[in-house]
PDB file of N, CA and C in Angstrom:
ATOM      1  N   MET A   1     169.082  67.331-109.301  1.00  0.00           N
ATOM      2  CA  MET A   1     169.372  66.087-108.631  1.00  0.00           C
ATOM      3  C   MET A   1     168.397  65.937-107.470  1.00  0.00           C
ATOM      4  N   SER A   2     167.767  64.815-107.377  1.00  0.00           N
ATOM      5  CA  SER A   2     166.803  64.601-106.302  1.00  0.00           C
ATOM      6  C   SER A   2     167.517  64.101-105.049  1.00  0.00           C
ATOM      7  N   ALA A   3     166.792  64.049-103.950  1.00  0.00           N
ATOM      8  CA  ALA A   3     167.379  63.630-102.676  1.00  0.00           C
ATOM      9  C   ALA A   3     167.691  62.136-102.671  1.00  0.00           C
ATOM     10  N   ARG A   4     167.037  61.371-103.517  1.00  0.00           N
ATOM     11  CA  ARG A   4     167.244  59.917-103.544  1.00  0.00           C
ATOM     12  C   ARG A   4     168.533  59.509-104.255  1.00  0.00           C
ATOM     13  N   GLU A   5     168.941  60.290-105.230  1.00  0.00           N
ATOM     14  CA  GLU A   5     170.128  59.933-106.014  1.00  0.00           C
ATOM     15  C   GLU A   5     171.388  60.311-105.251  1.00  0.00           C
ATOM     16  N   PRO A   6     172.323  59.380-105.149  1.00  0.00           N
ATOM     17  CA  PRO A   6     173.570  59.705-104.477  1.00  0.00           C
ATOM     18  C   PRO A   6     174.428  60.598-105.375  1.00  0.00           C
ATOM     19  N   GLY A   7     175.142  61.489-104.757  1.00  0.00           N
ATOM     20  CA  GLY A   7     176.004  62.391-105.503  1.00  0.00           C
ATOM     21  C   GLY A   7     177.313  61.725-105.868  1.00  0.00           C
ATOM     22  N   PRO A   8     178.150  62.418-106.625  1.00  0.00           N
ATOM     23  CA  PRO A   8     179.440  61.851-107.026  1.00  0.00           C
ATOM     24  C   PRO A   8     180.350  61.588-105.830  1.00  0.00           C
ATOM     25  N   ASP A   9     180.195  62.360-104.765  1.00  0.00           N
ATOM     26  CA  ASP A   9     181.019  62.128-103.581  1.00  0.00           C
ATOM     27  C   ASP A   9     180.689  60.785-102.932  1.00  0.00           C
ATOM     28  N   ARG A  10     179.431  60.417-102.955  1.00  0.00           N
ATOM     29  CA  ARG A  10     179.015  59.131-102.380  1.00  0.00           C
ATOM     30  C   ARG A  10     179.634  57.970-103.147  1.00  0.00           C
ATOM     31  N   HIS A  11     179.650  58.057-104.483  1.00  0.00           N
ATOM     32  CA  HIS A  11     180.264  57.010-105.302  1.00  0.00           C
ATOM     33  C   HIS A  11     181.757  56.930-105.035  1.00  0.00           C
ATOM     34  N   LYS A  12     182.387  58.071-104.876  1.00  0.00           N
ATOM     35  CA  LYS A  12     183.822  58.110-104.618  1.00  0.00           C
ATOM     36  C   LYS A  12     184.133  57.463-103.271  1.00  0.00           C
ATOM     37  N   LYS A  13     183.325  57.752-102.249  1.00  0.00           N
ATOM     38  CA  LYS A  13     183.539  57.156-100.932  1.00  0.00           C
ATOM     39  C   LYS A  13     183.333  55.649-100.970  1.00  0.00           C
ATOM     40  N   ASP A  14     182.323  55.188-101.696  1.00  0.00           N
ATOM     41  CA  ASP A  14     182.081  53.750-101.837  1.00  0.00           C
ATOM     42  C   ASP A  14     183.259  53.074-102.515  1.00  0.00           C
ATOM     43  N   PHE A  15     183.786  53.709-103.554  1.00  0.00           N
ATOM     44  CA  PHE A  15     184.912  53.146-104.290  1.00  0.00           C
ATOM     45  C   PHE A  15     186.149  53.054-103.400  1.00  0.00           C
ATOM     46  N   VAL A  16     186.443  54.120-102.671  1.00  0.00           N
ATOM     47  CA  VAL A  16     187.614  54.144-101.795  1.00  0.00           C
ATOM     48  C   VAL A  16     187.490  53.095-100.701  1.00  0.00           C
ATOM     49  N   SER A  17     186.324  52.956-100.122  1.00  0.00           N
ATOM     50  CA  SER A  17     186.147  51.953 -99.066  1.00  0.00           C
ATOM     51  C   SER A  17     186.279  50.537 -99.624  1.00  0.00           C
ATOM     52  N   GLU A  18     185.805  50.305-100.831  1.00  0.00           N
ATOM     53  CA  GLU A  18     185.951  48.980-101.451  1.00  0.00           C
ATOM     54  C   GLU A  18     187.412  48.663-101.722  1.00  0.00           C
ATOM     55  N   VAL A  19     188.176  49.638-102.210  1.00  0.00           N
ATOM     56  CA  VAL A  19     189.605  49.432-102.467  1.00  0.00           C
ATOM     57  C   VAL A  19     190.340  49.137-101.161  1.00  0.00           C
ATOM     58  N   GLU A  20     190.027  49.877-100.108  1.00  0.00           N
ATOM     59  CA  GLU A  20     190.664  49.632 -98.815  1.00  0.00           C
ATOM     60  C   GLU A  20     190.317  48.254 -98.272  1.00  0.00           C
ATOM     61  N   ARG A  21     189.076  47.830 -98.431  1.00  0.00           N
ATOM     62  CA  ARG A  21     188.656  46.515 -97.966  1.00  0.00           C
ATOM     63  C   ARG A  21     189.406  45.407 -98.710  1.00  0.00           C
ATOM     64  N   ARG A  22     189.571  45.568-100.024  1.00  0.00           N
ATOM     65  CA  ARG A  22     190.302  44.557-100.796  1.00  0.00           C
ATOM     66  C   ARG A  22     191.780  44.519-100.406  1.00  0.00           C
ATOM     67  N   ARG A  23     192.373  45.699-100.162  1.00  0.00           N
ATOM     68  CA  ARG A  23     193.774  45.743 -99.766  1.00  0.00           C
ATOM     69  C   ARG A  23     193.974  45.046 -98.428  1.00  0.00           C
ATOM     70  N   GLU A  24     193.071  45.275 -97.466  1.00  0.00           N
ATOM     71  CA  GLU A  24     193.171  44.624 -96.168  1.00  0.00           C
ATOM     72  C   GLU A  24     193.044  43.116 -96.300  1.00  0.00           C
ATOM     73  N   ARG A  25     192.125  42.668 -97.146  1.00  0.00           N
ATOM     74  CA  ARG A  25     191.936  41.228 -97.361  1.00  0.00           C
ATOM     75  C   ARG A  25     193.185  40.602 -97.966  1.00  0.00           C
ATOM     76  N   ARG A  26     193.818  41.313 -98.908  1.00  0.00           N
ATOM     77  CA  ARG A  26     195.028  40.811 -99.546  1.00  0.00           C
ATOM     78  C   ARG A  26     196.180  40.754 -98.546  1.00  0.00           C
ATOM     79  N   GLU A  27     196.304  41.763 -97.688  1.00  0.00           N
ATOM     80  CA  GLU A  27     197.362  41.794 -96.687  1.00  0.00           C
ATOM     81  C   GLU A  27     197.187  40.683 -95.659  1.00  0.00           C
ATOM     82  N   GLU A  28     195.952  40.350 -95.317  1.00  0.00           N
ATOM     83  CA  GLU A  28     195.707  39.248 -94.390  1.00  0.00           C
ATOM     84  C   GLU A  28     196.221  37.938 -94.966  1.00  0.00           C
ATOM     85  N   GLY A  29     196.041  37.742 -96.271  1.00  0.00           N
ATOM     86  CA  GLY A  29     196.497  36.519 -96.914  1.00  0.00           C
ATOM     87  C   GLY A  29     198.002  36.429 -97.032  1.00  0.00           C
ATOM     88  N   LYS A  30     198.687  37.572 -97.055  1.00  0.00           N
ATOM     89  CA  LYS A  30     200.141  37.565 -97.206  1.00  0.00           C
ATOM     90  C   LYS A  30     200.869  37.320 -95.892  1.00  0.00           C
ATOM     91  N   ARG A  31     200.181  37.452 -94.795  1.00  0.00           N
ATOM     92  CA  ARG A  31     200.809  37.239 -93.498  1.00  0.00           C
ATOM     93  C   ARG A  31     201.192  35.789 -93.301  1.00  0.00           C
ATOM     94  N   ASP A  32     202.320  35.568 -92.695  1.00  0.00           N
ATOM     95  CA  ASP A  32     202.707  34.266 -92.167  1.00  0.00           C
ATOM     96  C   ASP A  32     202.697  33.144 -93.209  1.00  0.00           C
ATOM     97  N   ARG A  33     203.318  33.390 -94.337  1.00  0.00           N
ATOM     98  CA  ARG A  33     203.493  32.316 -95.315  1.00  0.00           C
ATOM     99  C   ARG A  33     204.883  31.736 -95.149  1.00  0.00           C
ATOM    100  N   SER A  34     204.946  30.481 -94.832  1.00  0.00           N
ATOM    101  CA  SER A  34     206.241  29.847 -94.646  1.00  0.00           C
ATOM    102  C   SER A  34     206.726  29.246 -95.961  1.00  0.00           C
ATOM    103  N   PHE A  35     207.966  28.813 -95.940  1.00  0.00           N
ATOM    104  CA  PHE A  35     208.569  28.203 -97.115  1.00  0.00           C
ATOM    105  C   PHE A  35     207.808  26.947 -97.518  1.00  0.00           C
ATOM    106  N   TRP A  36     207.476  26.126 -96.548  1.00  0.00           N
ATOM    107  CA  TRP A  36     206.828  24.850 -96.861  1.00  0.00           C
ATOM    108  C   TRP A  36     205.400  25.033 -97.348  1.00  0.00           C
ATOM    109  N   SER A  37     204.716  26.069 -96.883  1.00  0.00           N
ATOM    110  CA  SER A  37     203.376  26.307 -97.417  1.00  0.00           C
ATOM    111  C   SER A  37     203.458  26.761 -98.873  1.00  0.00           C
ATOM    112  N   SER A  38     204.511  27.491 -99.232  1.00  0.00           N
ATOM    113  CA  SER A  38     204.704  27.882-100.633  1.00  0.00           C
ATOM    114  C   SER A  38     205.033  26.675-101.494  1.00  0.00           C
ATOM    115  N   VAL A  39     205.856  25.784-100.980  1.00  0.00           N
ATOM    116  CA  VAL A  39     206.182  24.556-101.715  1.00  0.00           C
ATOM    117  C   VAL A  39     204.929  23.713-101.901  1.00  0.00           C
ATOM    118  N   GLY A  40     204.106  23.635-100.868  1.00  0.00           N
ATOM    119  CA  GLY A  40     202.852  22.890-100.973  1.00  0.00           C
ATOM    120  C   GLY A  40     201.916  23.487-102.002  1.00  0.00           C
ATOM    121  N   ALA A  41     201.862  24.810-102.074  1.00  0.00           N
ATOM    122  CA  ALA A  41     201.003  25.464-103.065  1.00  0.00           C
ATOM    123  C   ALA A  41     201.500  25.174-104.480  1.00  0.00           C
ATOM    124  N   MET A  42     202.821  25.199-104.674  1.00  0.00           N
ATOM    125  CA  MET A  42     203.360  24.870-106.004  1.00  0.00           C
ATOM    126  C   MET A  42     203.056  23.426-106.374  1.00  0.00           C
ATOM    127  N   GLY A  43     203.125  22.533-105.400  1.00  0.00           N
ATOM    128  CA  GLY A  43     202.802  21.136-105.661  1.00  0.00           C
ATOM    129  C   GLY A  43     201.344  20.956-106.050  1.00  0.00           C
ATOM    130  N   MET A  44     200.461  21.681-105.383  1.00  0.00           N
ATOM    131  CA  MET A  44     199.035  21.591-105.715  1.00  0.00           C
ATOM    132  C   MET A  44     198.767  22.102-107.128  1.00  0.00           C
ATOM    133  N   VAL A  45     199.453  23.162-107.521  1.00  0.00           N
ATOM    134  CA  VAL A  45     199.286  23.683-108.882  1.00  0.00           C
ATOM    135  C   VAL A  45     199.799  22.654-109.881  1.00  0.00           C
ATOM    136  N   GLY A  46     200.938  22.048-109.599  1.00  0.00           N
ATOM    137  CA  GLY A  46     201.486  21.035-110.499  1.00  0.00           C
ATOM    138  C   GLY A  46     200.565  19.839-110.666  1.00  0.00           C
ATOM    139  N   TRP A  47     200.040  19.341-109.548  1.00  0.00           N
ATOM    140  CA  TRP A  47     199.132  18.197-109.622  1.00  0.00           C
ATOM    141  C   TRP A  47     197.824  18.564-110.312  1.00  0.00           C
ATOM    142  N   SER A  48     197.355  19.790-110.095  1.00  0.00           N
ATOM    143  CA  SER A  48     196.087  20.177-110.712  1.00  0.00           C
ATOM    144  C   SER A  48     196.210  20.324-112.220  1.00  0.00           C
ATOM    145  N   VAL A  49     197.413  20.521-112.729  1.00  0.00           N
ATOM    146  CA  VAL A  49     197.613  20.572-114.180  1.00  0.00           C
ATOM    147  C   VAL A  49     197.898  19.177-114.730  1.00  0.00           C
ATOM    148  N   SER A  50     198.742  18.419-114.029  1.00  0.00           N
ATOM    149  CA  SER A  50     199.192  17.140-114.595  1.00  0.00           C
ATOM    150  C   SER A  50     198.125  16.043-114.544  1.00  0.00           C
ATOM    151  N   LEU A  51     197.338  15.981-113.482  1.00  0.00           N
ATOM    152  CA  LEU A  51     196.337  14.901-113.390  1.00  0.00           C
ATOM    153  C   LEU A  51     195.265  14.967-114.480  1.00  0.00           C
ATOM    154  N   PRO A  52     194.646  16.118-114.757  1.00  0.00           N
ATOM    155  CA  PRO A  52     193.673  16.139-115.855  1.00  0.00           C
ATOM    156  C   PRO A  52     194.311  15.855-117.216  1.00  0.00           C
ATOM    157  N   MET A  53     195.569  16.288-117.393  1.00  0.00           N
ATOM    158  CA  MET A  53     196.241  16.034-118.665  1.00  0.00           C
ATOM    159  C   MET A  53     196.494  14.535-118.850  1.00  0.00           C
ATOM    160  N   VAL A  54     196.960  13.865-117.810  1.00  0.00           N
ATOM    161  CA  VAL A  54     197.217  12.419-117.900  1.00  0.00           C
ATOM    162  C   VAL A  54     195.902  11.664-118.061  1.00  0.00           C
ATOM    163  N   ALA A  55     194.844  12.097-117.375  1.00  0.00           N
ATOM    164  CA  ALA A  55     193.538  11.438-117.527  1.00  0.00           C
ATOM    165  C   ALA A  55     193.036  11.577-118.965  1.00  0.00           C
ATOM    166  N   GLY A  56     193.205  12.750-119.557  1.00  0.00           N
ATOM    167  CA  GLY A  56     192.823  12.942-120.954  1.00  0.00           C
ATOM    168  C   GLY A  56     193.664  12.095-121.896  1.00  0.00           C
ATOM    169  N   LEU A  57     194.939  11.985-121.599  1.00  0.00           N
ATOM    170  CA  LEU A  57     195.829  11.158-122.415  1.00  0.00           C
ATOM    171  C   LEU A  57     195.401   9.697-122.372  1.00  0.00           C
ATOM    172  N   LEU A  58     195.111   9.193-121.188  1.00  0.00           N
ATOM    173  CA  LEU A  58     194.688   7.788-121.062  1.00  0.00           C
ATOM    174  C   LEU A  58     193.344   7.530-121.731  1.00  0.00           C
ATOM    175  N   LEU A  59     192.410   8.458-121.580  1.00  0.00           N
ATOM    176  CA  LEU A  59     191.121   8.318-122.251  1.00  0.00           C
ATOM    177  C   LEU A  59     191.306   8.317-123.766  1.00  0.00           C
ATOM    178  N   GLY A  60     192.154   9.200-124.262  1.00  0.00           N
ATOM    179  CA  GLY A  60     192.420   9.255-125.698  1.00  0.00           C
ATOM    180  C   GLY A  60     193.089   7.997-126.221  1.00  0.00           C
ATOM    181  N   ARG A  61     194.027   7.453-125.450  1.00  0.00           N
ATOM    182  CA  ARG A  61     194.675   6.191-125.878  1.00  0.00           C
ATOM    183  C   ARG A  61     193.669   5.053-125.941  1.00  0.00           C
ATOM    184  N   TRP A  62     192.773   5.017-124.950  1.00  0.00           N
ATOM    185  CA  TRP A  62     191.763   3.961-124.926  1.00  0.00           C
ATOM    186  C   TRP A  62     190.843   4.090-126.142  1.00  0.00           C
ATOM    187  N   LEU A  63     190.402   5.316-126.446  1.00  0.00           N
ATOM    188  CA  LEU A  63     189.543   5.525-127.614  1.00  0.00           C
ATOM    189  C   LEU A  63     190.273   5.209-128.914  1.00  0.00           C
ATOM    190  N   ASP A  64     191.546   5.594-129.010  1.00  0.00           N
ATOM    191  CA  ASP A  64     192.317   5.294-130.213  1.00  0.00           C
ATOM    192  C   ASP A  64     192.468   3.793-130.418  1.00  0.00           C
ATOM    193  N   ALA A  65     192.660   3.053-129.330  1.00  0.00           N
ATOM    194  CA  ALA A  65     192.777   1.602-129.449  1.00  0.00           C
ATOM    195  C   ALA A  65     191.446   0.985-129.871  1.00  0.00           C
ATOM    196  N   ARG A  66     190.344   1.505-129.359  1.00  0.00           N
ATOM    197  CA  ARG A  66     189.026   0.968-129.708  1.00  0.00           C
ATOM    198  C   ARG A  66     188.632   1.294-131.144  1.00  0.00           C
ATOM    199  N   LEU A  67     188.944   2.509-131.587  1.00  0.00           N
ATOM    200  CA  LEU A  67     188.499   2.974-132.898  1.00  0.00           C
ATOM    201  C   LEU A  67     189.575   2.891-133.984  1.00  0.00           C
ATOM    202  N   ASP A  68     190.785   2.439-133.611  1.00  0.00           N
ATOM    203  CA  ASP A  68     191.912   2.310-134.541  1.00  0.00           C
ATOM    204  C   ASP A  68     192.112   3.614-135.325  1.00  0.00           C
ATOM    205  N   SER A  69     192.299   4.719-134.578  1.00  0.00           N
ATOM    206  CA  SER A  69     192.386   6.034-135.209  1.00  0.00           C
ATOM    207  C   SER A  69     193.752   6.689-135.055  1.00  0.00           C
ATOM    208  N   GLY A  70     194.778   5.924-134.800  1.00  0.00           N
ATOM    209  CA  GLY A  70     196.109   6.509-134.663  1.00  0.00           C
ATOM    210  C   GLY A  70     196.253   7.180-133.304  1.00  0.00           C
ATOM    211  N   HIS A  71     196.676   8.445-133.324  1.00  0.00           N
ATOM    212  CA  HIS A  71     196.874   9.187-132.077  1.00  0.00           C
ATOM    213  C   HIS A  71     195.992  10.430-131.992  1.00  0.00           C
ATOM    214  N   VAL A  72     194.933  10.451-132.766  1.00  0.00           N
ATOM    215  CA  VAL A  72     194.080  11.635-132.849  1.00  0.00           C
ATOM    216  C   VAL A  72     193.417  11.946-131.512  1.00  0.00           C
ATOM    217  N   PHE A  73     192.725  10.975-130.944  1.00  0.00           N
ATOM    218  CA  PHE A  73     191.996  11.201-129.698  1.00  0.00           C
ATOM    219  C   PHE A  73     192.950  11.411-128.521  1.00  0.00           C
ATOM    220  N   MET A  74     194.094  10.711-128.556  1.00  0.00           N
ATOM    221  CA  MET A  74     195.062  10.870-127.490  1.00  0.00           C
ATOM    222  C   MET A  74     195.546  12.323-127.416  1.00  0.00           C
ATOM    223  N   LEU A  75     195.917  12.884-128.539  1.00  0.00           N
ATOM    224  CA  LEU A  75     196.392  14.268-128.556  1.00  0.00           C
ATOM    225  C   LEU A  75     195.278  15.251-128.212  1.00  0.00           C
ATOM    226  N   PHE A  76     194.096  15.009-128.755  1.00  0.00           N
ATOM    227  CA  PHE A  76     192.982  15.913-128.494  1.00  0.00           C
ATOM    228  C   PHE A  76     192.645  15.966-127.008  1.00  0.00           C
ATOM    229  N   PHE A  77     192.455  14.799-126.396  1.00  0.00           N
ATOM    230  CA  PHE A  77     192.064  14.783-124.988  1.00  0.00           C
ATOM    231  C   PHE A  77     193.212  15.176-124.065  1.00  0.00           C
ATOM    232  N   MET A  78     194.459  14.978-124.497  1.00  0.00           N
ATOM    233  CA  MET A  78     195.578  15.453-123.710  1.00  0.00           C
ATOM    234  C   MET A  78     195.542  16.986-123.630  1.00  0.00           C
ATOM    235  N   PHE A  79     195.295  17.646-124.770  1.00  0.00           N
ATOM    236  CA  PHE A  79     195.234  19.104-124.761  1.00  0.00           C
ATOM    237  C   PHE A  79     193.983  19.619-124.040  1.00  0.00           C
ATOM    238  N   VAL A  80     192.878  18.898-124.141  1.00  0.00           N
ATOM    239  CA  VAL A  80     191.681  19.279-123.376  1.00  0.00           C
ATOM    240  C   VAL A  80     191.976  19.176-121.881  1.00  0.00           C
ATOM    241  N   GLY A  81     192.642  18.103-121.466  1.00  0.00           N
ATOM    242  CA  GLY A  81     193.019  17.943-120.056  1.00  0.00           C
ATOM    243  C   GLY A  81     194.004  19.012-119.610  1.00  0.00           C
ATOM    244  N   LEU A  82     194.938  19.372-120.488  1.00  0.00           N
ATOM    245  CA  LEU A  82     195.885  20.430-120.161  1.00  0.00           C
ATOM    246  C   LEU A  82     195.164  21.763-119.971  1.00  0.00           C
ATOM    247  N   GLY A  83     194.229  22.060-120.851  1.00  0.00           N
ATOM    248  CA  GLY A  83     193.456  23.302-120.714  1.00  0.00           C
ATOM    249  C   GLY A  83     192.626  23.313-119.445  1.00  0.00           C
ATOM    250  N   ALA A  84     191.994  22.188-119.146  1.00  0.00           N
ATOM    251  CA  ALA A  84     191.184  22.105-117.923  1.00  0.00           C
ATOM    252  C   ALA A  84     192.073  22.243-116.691  1.00  0.00           C
ATOM    253  N   GLY A  85     193.240  21.613-116.725  1.00  0.00           N
ATOM    254  CA  GLY A  85     194.167  21.719-115.589  1.00  0.00           C
ATOM    255  C   GLY A  85     194.670  23.134-115.393  1.00  0.00           C
ATOM    256  N   CYS A  86     194.958  23.825-116.475  1.00  0.00           N
ATOM    257  CA  CYS A  86     195.402  25.222-116.362  1.00  0.00           C
ATOM    258  C   CYS A  86     194.285  26.100-115.804  1.00  0.00           C
ATOM    259  N   LEU A  87     193.066  25.835-116.198  1.00  0.00           N
ATOM    260  CA  LEU A  87     191.933  26.588-115.661  1.00  0.00           C
ATOM    261  C   LEU A  87     191.776  26.338-114.160  1.00  0.00           C
ATOM    262  N   ILE A  88     191.918  25.095-113.753  1.00  0.00           N
ATOM    263  CA  ILE A  88     191.837  24.756-112.331  1.00  0.00           C
ATOM    264  C   ILE A  88     192.959  25.444-111.554  1.00  0.00           C
ATOM    265  N   ALA A  89     194.173  25.405-112.109  1.00  0.00           N
ATOM    266  CA  ALA A  89     195.308  26.048-111.437  1.00  0.00           C
ATOM    267  C   ALA A  89     195.113  27.550-111.360  1.00  0.00           C
ATOM    268  N   TRP A  90     194.591  28.148-112.425  1.00  0.00           N
ATOM    269  CA  TRP A  90     194.332  29.587-112.425  1.00  0.00           C
ATOM    270  C   TRP A  90     193.372  29.967-111.295  1.00  0.00           C
ATOM    271  N   ARG A  91     192.307  29.187-111.160  1.00  0.00           N
ATOM    272  CA  ARG A  91     191.320  29.484-110.114  1.00  0.00           C
ATOM    273  C   ARG A  91     191.910  29.281-108.726  1.00  0.00           C
ATOM    274  N   MET A  92     192.739  28.249-108.548  1.00  0.00           N
ATOM    275  CA  MET A  92     193.356  28.014-107.248  1.00  0.00           C
ATOM    276  C   MET A  92     194.280  29.165-106.872  1.00  0.00           C
ATOM    277  N   VAL A  93     195.080  29.612-107.827  1.00  0.00           N
ATOM    278  CA  VAL A  93     196.026  30.695-107.544  1.00  0.00           C
ATOM    279  C   VAL A  93     195.280  32.004-107.297  1.00  0.00           C
ATOM    280  N   SER A  94     194.245  32.276-108.076  1.00  0.00           N
ATOM    281  CA  SER A  94     193.513  33.528-107.879  1.00  0.00           C
ATOM    282  C   SER A  94     192.774  33.546-106.542  1.00  0.00           C
ATOM    283  N   GLU A  95     192.349  32.399-106.042  1.00  0.00           N
ATOM    284  CA  GLU A  95     191.721  32.345-104.721  1.00  0.00           C
ATOM    285  C   GLU A  95     192.736  32.603-103.615  1.00  0.00           C
ATOM    286  N   LYS A  96     193.965  32.140-103.813  1.00  0.00           N
ATOM    287  CA  LYS A  96     195.002  32.330-102.810  1.00  0.00           C
ATOM    288  C   LYS A  96     195.460  33.769-102.748  1.00  0.00           C
ATOM    289  N   LEU A  97     195.442  34.465-103.876  1.00  0.00           N
ATOM    290  CA  LEU A  97     195.898  35.858-103.889  1.00  0.00           C
ATOM    291  C   LEU A  97     194.741  36.727-103.545  1.00  0.00           C
TER     292      LEU A  97
END
């Protein structure tokens, strides 16, 4: 092993310090959460899922009316909006935690 290569102890120390840093960051976020801030967070998650889904539904209805295709586009874009909304909600929640 040369002097430039870090030993296994160095990797272990780096790993432990990274875990401690993440734990401290998580504990900072858990401090001082009130009831109303939790309700607000749930509302933001709800709106972030429902708005893209409704926008997809309306776009699909408009396309179905223009192309006389039944409910194909409405269902497709509703599910695309639902997926996009769930992705947005996932990212919002993961940033908060």
